[in-house]
């Protein structure tokens, strides 16, 4: 289990760094989509803006899922309750 904690601790700054690079790119994509006819009224534009606003949350929640998955796998491998 300590390996999973170490992996999540190492990947957390990587997720933040990835977020710093991807957020401006998604912002530029959203600006370009807004200039299209009916751009701000489309669902794809709304989804792109939502992902750009919440991507760091998604990345950090994926690390929590990684920890939970590692705990379940370790528990099953050790012969715990399935």
PDB file of N, CA and C in Angstrom:
ATOM      1  N   UNK A   1       0.820  -1.193   0.000  1.00  0.00           N
ATOM      2  CA  UNK A   1       0.000   0.000   0.000  1.00  0.00           C
ATOM      3  C   UNK A   1       0.864   1.257   0.000  1.00  0.00           C
ATOM      4  N   UNK A   2       2.041   1.174   0.643  1.00  0.00           N
ATOM      5  CA  UNK A   2       2.906   2.343   0.658  1.00  0.00           C
ATOM      6  C   UNK A   2       3.405   2.681  -0.745  1.00  0.00           C
ATOM      7  N   UNK A   3       3.528   1.666  -1.582  1.00  0.00           N
ATOM      8  CA  UNK A   3       3.908   1.917  -2.971  1.00  0.00           C
ATOM      9  C   UNK A   3       2.862   2.736  -3.702  1.00  0.00           C
ATOM     10  N   UNK A   4       1.588   2.461  -3.426  1.00  0.00           N
ATOM     11  CA  UNK A   4       0.511   3.227  -4.061  1.00  0.00           C
ATOM     12  C   UNK A   4       0.501   4.666  -3.558  1.00  0.00           C
ATOM     13  N   UNK A   5       0.748   4.857  -2.254  1.00  0.00           N
ATOM     14  CA  UNK A   5       0.829   6.214  -1.728  1.00  0.00           C
ATOM     15  C   UNK A   5       1.999   6.970  -2.358  1.00  0.00           C
ATOM     16  N   UNK A   6       3.133   6.298  -2.506  1.00  0.00           N
ATOM     17  CA  UNK A   6       4.288   6.926  -3.134  1.00  0.00           C
ATOM     18  C   UNK A   6       3.990   7.284  -4.580  1.00  0.00           C
ATOM     19  N   UNK A   7       3.331   6.376  -5.292  1.00  0.00           N
ATOM     20  CA  UNK A   7       2.986   6.633  -6.690  1.00  0.00           C
ATOM     21  C   UNK A   7       2.056   7.831  -6.806  1.00  0.00           C
ATOM     22  N   UNK A   8       1.059   7.913  -5.932  1.00  0.00           N
ATOM     23  CA  UNK A   8       0.140   9.054  -5.969  1.00  0.00           C
ATOM     24  C   UNK A   8       0.846  10.350  -5.583  1.00  0.00           C
ATOM     25  N   UNK A   9       1.768  10.267  -4.618  1.00  0.00           N
ATOM     26  CA  UNK A   9       2.510  11.462  -4.210  1.00  0.00           C
ATOM     27  C   UNK A   9       3.429  11.956  -5.323  1.00  0.00           C
ATOM     28  N   UNK A  10       3.967  11.042  -6.103  1.00  0.00           N
ATOM     29  CA  UNK A  10       4.821  11.436  -7.221  1.00  0.00           C
ATOM     30  C   UNK A  10       3.986  11.957  -8.384  1.00  0.00           C
ATOM     31  N   UNK A  11       2.828  11.365  -8.606  1.00  0.00           N
ATOM     32  CA  UNK A  11       2.007  11.764  -9.744  1.00  0.00           C
ATOM     33  C   UNK A  11       1.207  13.040  -9.502  1.00  0.00           C
ATOM     34  N   UNK A  12       1.008  13.445  -8.256  1.00  0.00           N
ATOM     35  CA  UNK A  12       0.248  14.668  -7.982  1.00  0.00           C
ATOM     36  C   UNK A  12       0.922  15.904  -8.590  1.00  0.00           C
ATOM     37  N   UNK A  13       2.225  16.116  -8.380  1.00  0.00           N
ATOM     38  CA  UNK A  13       2.846  17.272  -9.058  1.00  0.00           C
ATOM     39  C   UNK A  13       2.849  17.142 -10.580  1.00  0.00           C
ATOM     40  N   UNK A  14       2.927  15.926 -11.076  1.00  0.00           N
ATOM     41  CA  UNK A  14       2.864  15.722 -12.524  1.00  0.00           C
ATOM     42  C   UNK A  14       1.486  16.124 -13.043  1.00  0.00           C
ATOM     43  N   UNK A  15       0.439  15.809 -12.287  1.00  0.00           N
ATOM     44  CA  UNK A  15      -0.915  16.200 -12.687  1.00  0.00           C
ATOM     45  C   UNK A  15      -1.065  17.716 -12.688  1.00  0.00           C
ATOM     46  N   UNK A  16      -0.486  18.376 -11.703  1.00  0.00           N
ATOM     47  CA  UNK A  16      -0.553  19.840 -11.654  1.00  0.00           C
ATOM     48  C   UNK A  16       0.226  20.443 -12.820  1.00  0.00           C
ATOM     49  N   UNK A  17       1.398  19.898 -13.117  1.00  0.00           N
ATOM     50  CA  UNK A  17       2.188  20.394 -14.241  1.00  0.00           C
ATOM     51  C   UNK A  17       1.455  20.177 -15.564  1.00  0.00           C
ATOM     52  N   UNK A  18       0.853  19.011 -15.726  1.00  0.00           N
ATOM     53  CA  UNK A  18       0.069  18.747 -16.927  1.00  0.00           C
ATOM     54  C   UNK A  18      -1.091  19.722 -17.044  1.00  0.00           C
ATOM     55  N   UNK A  19      -1.714  20.027 -15.929  1.00  0.00           N
ATOM     56  CA  UNK A  19      -2.816  20.975 -15.926  1.00  0.00           C
ATOM     57  C   UNK A  19      -2.353  22.364 -16.344  1.00  0.00           C
ATOM     58  N   UNK A  20      -1.151  22.752 -15.921  1.00  0.00           N
ATOM     59  CA  UNK A  20      -0.629  24.066 -16.303  1.00  0.00           C
ATOM     60  C   UNK A  20      -0.391  24.178 -17.803  1.00  0.00           C
ATOM     61  N   UNK A  21      -0.060  23.073 -18.460  1.00  0.00           N
ATOM     62  CA  UNK A  21       0.156  23.099 -19.899  1.00  0.00           C
ATOM     63  C   UNK A  21      -1.139  22.962 -20.697  1.00  0.00           C
ATOM     64  N   UNK A  22      -2.066  22.175 -20.199  1.00  0.00           N
ATOM     65  CA  UNK A  22      -3.267  21.877 -20.977  1.00  0.00           C
ATOM     66  C   UNK A  22      -4.319  22.981 -20.858  1.00  0.00           C
ATOM     67  N   UNK A  23      -4.373  23.655 -19.715  1.00  0.00           N
ATOM     68  CA  UNK A  23      -5.409  24.675 -19.513  1.00  0.00           C
ATOM     69  C   UNK A  23      -5.346  25.806 -20.545  1.00  0.00           C
ATOM     70  N   UNK A  24      -4.178  26.385 -20.849  1.00  0.00           N
ATOM     71  CA  UNK A  24      -4.158  27.424 -21.884  1.00  0.00           C
ATOM     72  C   UNK A  24      -4.537  26.901 -23.267  1.00  0.00           C
ATOM     73  N   UNK A  25      -4.190  25.653 -23.540  1.00  0.00           N
ATOM     74  CA  UNK A  25      -4.534  25.080 -24.840  1.00  0.00           C
ATOM     75  C   UNK A  25      -6.048  24.943 -24.968  1.00  0.00           C
ATOM     76  N   UNK A  26      -6.697  24.421 -23.922  1.00  0.00           N
ATOM     77  CA  UNK A  26      -8.152  24.297 -23.970  1.00  0.00           C
ATOM     78  C   UNK A  26      -8.829  25.665 -23.996  1.00  0.00           C
ATOM     79  N   UNK A  27      -8.244  26.649 -23.323  1.00  0.00           N
ATOM     80  CA  UNK A  27      -8.791  28.004 -23.384  1.00  0.00           C
ATOM     81  C   UNK A  27      -8.729  28.575 -24.784  1.00  0.00           C
ATOM     82  N   UNK A  28      -7.627  28.328 -25.473  1.00  0.00           N
ATOM     83  CA  UNK A  28      -7.506  28.800 -26.856  1.00  0.00           C
ATOM     84  C   UNK A  28      -8.499  28.079 -27.770  1.00  0.00           C
ATOM     85  N   UNK A  29      -8.677  26.782 -27.553  1.00  0.00           N
ATOM     86  CA  UNK A  29      -9.641  26.026 -28.350  1.00  0.00           C
ATOM     87  C   UNK A  29     -11.053  26.571 -28.112  1.00  0.00           C
ATOM     88  N   UNK A  30     -11.373  26.880 -26.854  1.00  0.00           N
ATOM     89  CA  UNK A  30     -12.701  27.415 -26.542  1.00  0.00           C
ATOM     90  C   UNK A  30     -12.908  28.786 -27.181  1.00  0.00           C
ATOM     91  N   UNK A  31     -11.874  29.630 -27.193  1.00  0.00           N
ATOM     92  CA  UNK A  31     -11.981  30.930 -27.846  1.00  0.00           C
ATOM     93  C   UNK A  31     -12.219  30.775 -29.341  1.00  0.00           C
ATOM     94  N   UNK A  32     -11.523  29.840 -29.954  1.00  0.00           N
ATOM     95  CA  UNK A  32     -11.696  29.601 -31.388  1.00  0.00           C
ATOM     96  C   UNK A  32     -13.097  29.083 -31.681  1.00  0.00           C
ATOM     97  N   UNK A  33     -13.605  28.189 -30.820  1.00  0.00           N
ATOM     98  CA  UNK A  33     -14.955  27.659 -31.022  1.00  0.00           C
ATOM     99  C   UNK A  33     -16.008  28.735 -30.809  1.00  0.00           C
ATOM    100  N   UNK A  34     -15.742  29.695 -29.915  1.00  0.00           N
ATOM    101  CA  UNK A  34     -16.709  30.760 -29.653  1.00  0.00           C
ATOM    102  C   UNK A  34     -16.853  31.693 -30.855  1.00  0.00           C
ATOM    103  N   UNK A  35     -15.818  31.794 -31.690  1.00  0.00           N
ATOM    104  CA  UNK A  35     -15.889  32.665 -32.863  1.00  0.00           C
ATOM    105  C   UNK A  35     -16.693  32.047 -34.001  1.00  0.00           C
ATOM    106  N   UNK A  36     -16.956  30.766 -33.940  1.00  0.00           N
ATOM    107  CA  UNK A  36     -17.728  30.104 -34.990  1.00  0.00           C
ATOM    108  C   UNK A  36     -19.198  30.521 -34.875  1.00  0.00           C
ATOM    109  N   UNK A  37     -19.951  30.419 -35.968  1.00  0.00           N
ATOM    110  CA  UNK A  37     -21.371  30.763 -35.893  1.00  0.00           C
ATOM    111  C   UNK A  37     -22.100  29.867 -34.886  1.00  0.00           C
ATOM    112  N   UNK A  38     -22.740  30.472 -33.917  1.00  0.00           N
ATOM    113  CA  UNK A  38     -23.444  29.720 -32.884  1.00  0.00           C
ATOM    114  C   UNK A  38     -22.511  28.995 -31.943  1.00  0.00           C
ATOM    115  N   UNK A  39     -21.273  29.445 -31.857  1.00  0.00           N
ATOM    116  CA  UNK A  39     -20.239  28.730 -31.128  1.00  0.00           C
ATOM    117  C   UNK A  39     -20.501  28.562 -29.646  1.00  0.00           C
ATOM    118  N   UNK A  40     -20.955  29.629 -28.983  1.00  0.00           N
ATOM    119  CA  UNK A  40     -21.145  29.551 -27.540  1.00  0.00           C
ATOM    120  C   UNK A  40     -22.429  28.829 -27.157  1.00  0.00           C
ATOM    121  N   UNK A  41     -23.247  28.482 -28.122  1.00  0.00           N
ATOM    122  CA  UNK A  41     -24.508  27.799 -27.829  1.00  0.00           C
ATOM    123  C   UNK A  41     -24.429  26.292 -28.046  1.00  0.00           C
ATOM    124  N   UNK A  42     -23.305  25.791 -28.515  1.00  0.00           N
ATOM    125  CA  UNK A  42     -23.195  24.360 -28.796  1.00  0.00           C
ATOM    126  C   UNK A  42     -22.785  23.602 -27.542  1.00  0.00           C
ATOM    127  N   UNK A  43     -23.109  22.336 -27.539  1.00  0.00           N
ATOM    128  CA  UNK A  43     -22.752  21.490 -26.404  1.00  0.00           C
ATOM    129  C   UNK A  43     -21.264  21.215 -26.350  1.00  0.00           C
ATOM    130  N   UNK A  44     -20.635  21.100 -27.503  1.00  0.00           N
ATOM    131  CA  UNK A  44     -19.196  20.829 -27.533  1.00  0.00           C
ATOM    132  C   UNK A  44     -18.446  21.986 -26.892  1.00  0.00           C
ATOM    133  N   UNK A  45     -18.880  23.202 -27.145  1.00  0.00           N
ATOM    134  CA  UNK A  45     -18.250  24.370 -26.518  1.00  0.00           C
ATOM    135  C   UNK A  45     -18.440  24.314 -25.002  1.00  0.00           C
ATOM    136  N   UNK A  46     -19.643  23.995 -24.563  1.00  0.00           N
ATOM    137  CA  UNK A  46     -19.913  23.913 -23.118  1.00  0.00           C
ATOM    138  C   UNK A  46     -19.067  22.824 -22.470  1.00  0.00           C
ATOM    139  N   UNK A  47     -18.924  21.681 -23.132  1.00  0.00           N
ATOM    140  CA  UNK A  47     -18.101  20.596 -22.588  1.00  0.00           C
ATOM    141  C   UNK A  47     -16.634  21.002 -22.525  1.00  0.00           C
ATOM    142  N   UNK A  48     -16.145  21.673 -23.566  1.00  0.00           N
ATOM    143  CA  UNK A  48     -14.751  22.095 -23.595  1.00  0.00           C
ATOM    144  C   UNK A  48     -14.458  23.081 -22.473  1.00  0.00           C
ATOM    145  N   UNK A  49     -15.361  24.018 -22.259  1.00  0.00           N
ATOM    146  CA  UNK A  49     -15.173  24.990 -21.186  1.00  0.00           C
ATOM    147  C   UNK A  49     -15.240  24.305 -19.824  1.00  0.00           C
ATOM    148  N   UNK A  50     -16.151  23.353 -19.662  1.00  0.00           N
ATOM    149  CA  UNK A  50     -16.264  22.639 -18.391  1.00  0.00           C
ATOM    150  C   UNK A  50     -15.005  21.822 -18.100  1.00  0.00           C
ATOM    151  N   UNK A  51     -14.464  21.175 -19.113  1.00  0.00           N
ATOM    152  CA  UNK A  51     -13.233  20.403 -18.925  1.00  0.00           C
ATOM    153  C   UNK A  51     -12.066  21.336 -18.621  1.00  0.00           C
ATOM    154  N   UNK A  52     -11.992  22.462 -19.305  1.00  0.00           N
ATOM    155  CA  UNK A  52     -10.911  23.411 -19.048  1.00  0.00           C
ATOM    156  C   UNK A  52     -10.995  23.965 -17.631  1.00  0.00           C
ATOM    157  N   UNK A  53     -12.206  24.190 -17.131  1.00  0.00           N
ATOM    158  CA  UNK A  53     -12.365  24.736 -15.785  1.00  0.00           C
ATOM    159  C   UNK A  53     -12.083  23.715 -14.696  1.00  0.00           C
ATOM    160  N   UNK A  54     -12.339  22.436 -14.965  1.00  0.00           N
ATOM    161  CA  UNK A  54     -12.265  21.418 -13.914  1.00  0.00           C
ATOM    162  C   UNK A  54     -11.223  20.339 -14.152  1.00  0.00           C
ATOM    163  N   UNK A  55     -10.288  20.550 -15.034  1.00  0.00           N
ATOM    164  CA  UNK A  55      -9.358  19.478 -15.382  1.00  0.00           C
ATOM    165  C   UNK A  55      -8.432  19.094 -14.238  1.00  0.00           C
ATOM    166  N   UNK A  56      -8.009  20.056 -13.420  1.00  0.00           N
ATOM    167  CA  UNK A  56      -7.150  19.709 -12.296  1.00  0.00           C
ATOM    168  C   UNK A  56      -7.909  18.845 -11.297  1.00  0.00           C
ATOM    169  N   UNK A  57      -9.179  19.154 -11.096  1.00  0.00           N
ATOM    170  CA  UNK A  57     -10.013  18.320 -10.229  1.00  0.00           C
ATOM    171  C   UNK A  57     -10.110  16.906 -10.786  1.00  0.00           C
ATOM    172  N   UNK A  58     -10.310  16.758 -12.080  1.00  0.00           N
ATOM    173  CA  UNK A  58     -10.394  15.438 -12.696  1.00  0.00           C
ATOM    174  C   UNK A  58      -9.089  14.667 -12.524  1.00  0.00           C
ATOM    175  N   UNK A  59      -7.968  15.350 -12.717  1.00  0.00           N
ATOM    176  CA  UNK A  59      -6.680  14.678 -12.595  1.00  0.00           C
ATOM    177  C   UNK A  59      -6.411  14.230 -11.161  1.00  0.00           C
ATOM    178  N   UNK A  60      -6.725  15.072 -10.181  1.00  0.00           N
ATOM    179  CA  UNK A  60      -6.480  14.694  -8.794  1.00  0.00           C
ATOM    180  C   UNK A  60      -7.465  13.625  -8.325  1.00  0.00           C
ATOM    181  N   UNK A  61      -8.693  13.651  -8.838  1.00  0.00           N
ATOM    182  CA  UNK A  61      -9.633  12.581  -8.504  1.00  0.00           C
ATOM    183  C   UNK A  61      -9.191  11.251  -9.102  1.00  0.00           C
ATOM    184  N   UNK A  62      -8.532  11.293 -10.250  1.00  0.00           N
ATOM    185  CA  UNK A  62      -8.023  10.053 -10.825  1.00  0.00           C
ATOM    186  C   UNK A  62      -6.923   9.455  -9.954  1.00  0.00           C
ATOM    187  N   UNK A  63      -6.166  10.296  -9.254  1.00  0.00           N
ATOM    188  CA  UNK A  63      -5.168   9.771  -8.319  1.00  0.00           C
ATOM    189  C   UNK A  63      -5.835   9.090  -7.130  1.00  0.00           C
ATOM    190  N   UNK A  64      -6.962   9.615  -6.683  1.00  0.00           N
ATOM    191  CA  UNK A  64      -7.711   8.962  -5.601  1.00  0.00           C
ATOM    192  C   UNK A  64      -8.222   7.605  -6.069  1.00  0.00           C
ATOM    193  N   UNK A  65      -8.707   7.532  -7.299  1.00  0.00           N
ATOM    194  CA  UNK A  65      -9.160   6.255  -7.856  1.00  0.00           C
ATOM    195  C   UNK A  65      -7.989   5.283  -7.958  1.00  0.00           C
ATOM    196  N   UNK A  66      -6.800   5.795  -8.298  1.00  0.00           N
ATOM    197  CA  UNK A  66      -5.610   4.953  -8.337  1.00  0.00           C
ATOM    198  C   UNK A  66      -5.311   4.361  -6.966  1.00  0.00           C
ATOM    199  N   UNK A  67      -5.414   5.162  -5.924  1.00  0.00           N
ATOM    200  CA  UNK A  67      -5.161   4.663  -4.571  1.00  0.00           C
ATOM    201  C   UNK A  67      -6.193   3.622  -4.156  1.00  0.00           C
ATOM    202  N   UNK A  68      -7.458   3.876  -4.457  1.00  0.00           N
ATOM    203  CA  UNK A  68      -8.505   2.920  -4.093  1.00  0.00           C
ATOM    204  C   UNK A  68      -8.316   1.612  -4.851  1.00  0.00           C
ATOM    205  N   UNK A  69      -7.993   1.702  -6.141  1.00  0.00           N
ATOM    206  CA  UNK A  69      -7.754   0.494  -6.924  1.00  0.00           C
ATOM    207  C   UNK A  69      -6.562  -0.294  -6.421  1.00  0.00           C
ATOM    208  N   UNK A  70      -5.507   0.391  -6.017  1.00  0.00           N
ATOM    209  CA  UNK A  70      -4.340  -0.301  -5.470  1.00  0.00           C
ATOM    210  C   UNK A  70      -4.670  -0.973  -4.146  1.00  0.00           C
ATOM    211  N   UNK A  71      -5.481  -0.318  -3.329  1.00  0.00           N
ATOM    212  CA  UNK A  71      -5.862  -0.911  -2.047  1.00  0.00           C
ATOM    213  C   UNK A  71      -6.712  -2.161  -2.247  1.00  0.00           C
ATOM    214  N   UNK A  72      -7.635  -2.119  -3.190  1.00  0.00           N
ATOM    215  CA  UNK A  72      -8.481  -3.285  -3.465  1.00  0.00           C
ATOM    216  C   UNK A  72      -7.652  -4.427  -4.023  1.00  0.00           C
ATOM    217  N   UNK A  73      -6.743  -4.112  -4.950  1.00  0.00           N
ATOM    218  CA  UNK A  73      -5.892  -5.139  -5.535  1.00  0.00           C
ATOM    219  C   UNK A  73      -4.985  -5.775  -4.485  1.00  0.00           C
ATOM    220  N   UNK A  74      -4.414  -4.953  -3.613  1.00  0.00           N
ATOM    221  CA  UNK A  74      -3.546  -5.484  -2.576  1.00  0.00           C
ATOM    222  C   UNK A  74      -4.331  -6.335  -1.584  1.00  0.00           C
ATOM    223  N   UNK A  75      -5.527  -5.912  -1.278  1.00  0.00           N
ATOM    224  CA  UNK A  75      -6.354  -6.677  -0.348  1.00  0.00           C
ATOM    225  C   UNK A  75      -6.708  -8.057  -0.927  1.00  0.00           C
ATOM    226  N   UNK A  76      -7.052  -8.077  -2.213  1.00  0.00           N
ATOM    227  CA  UNK A  76      -7.386  -9.362  -2.853  1.00  0.00           C
ATOM    228  C   UNK A  76      -6.159 -10.248  -2.981  1.00  0.00           C
ATOM    229  N   UNK A  77      -5.013  -9.652  -3.280  1.00  0.00           N
ATOM    230  CA  UNK A  77      -3.788 -10.441  -3.425  1.00  0.00           C
ATOM    231  C   UNK A  77      -3.335 -11.022  -2.093  1.00  0.00           C
ATOM    232  N   UNK A  78      -3.650 -10.338  -1.010  1.00  0.00           N
ATOM    233  CA  UNK A  78      -3.248 -10.822   0.323  1.00  0.00           C
ATOM    234  C   UNK A  78      -4.233 -11.832   0.878  1.00  0.00           C
ATOM    235  N   UNK A  79      -5.290 -12.134   0.161  1.00  0.00           N
ATOM    236  CA  UNK A  79      -6.258 -13.117   0.626  1.00  0.00           C
ATOM    237  C   UNK A  79      -7.314 -12.540   1.540  1.00  0.00           C
ATOM    238  N   UNK A  80      -7.546 -11.236   1.432  1.00  0.00           N
ATOM    239  CA  UNK A  80      -8.555 -10.594   2.253  1.00  0.00           C
ATOM    240  C   UNK A  80      -9.961 -10.906   1.754  1.00  0.00           C
ATOM    241  N   UNK A  81     -10.914 -10.238   2.315  1.00  0.00           N
ATOM    242  CA  UNK A  81     -12.313 -10.442   1.928  1.00  0.00           C
ATOM    243  C   UNK A  81     -12.504  -9.849   0.540  1.00  0.00           C
ATOM    244  N   UNK A  82     -13.090 -10.595  -0.399  1.00  0.00           N
ATOM    245  CA  UNK A  82     -13.266 -10.077  -1.776  1.00  0.00           C
ATOM    246  C   UNK A  82     -14.273  -8.977  -1.874  1.00  0.00           C
TER     247      UNK A  82
END
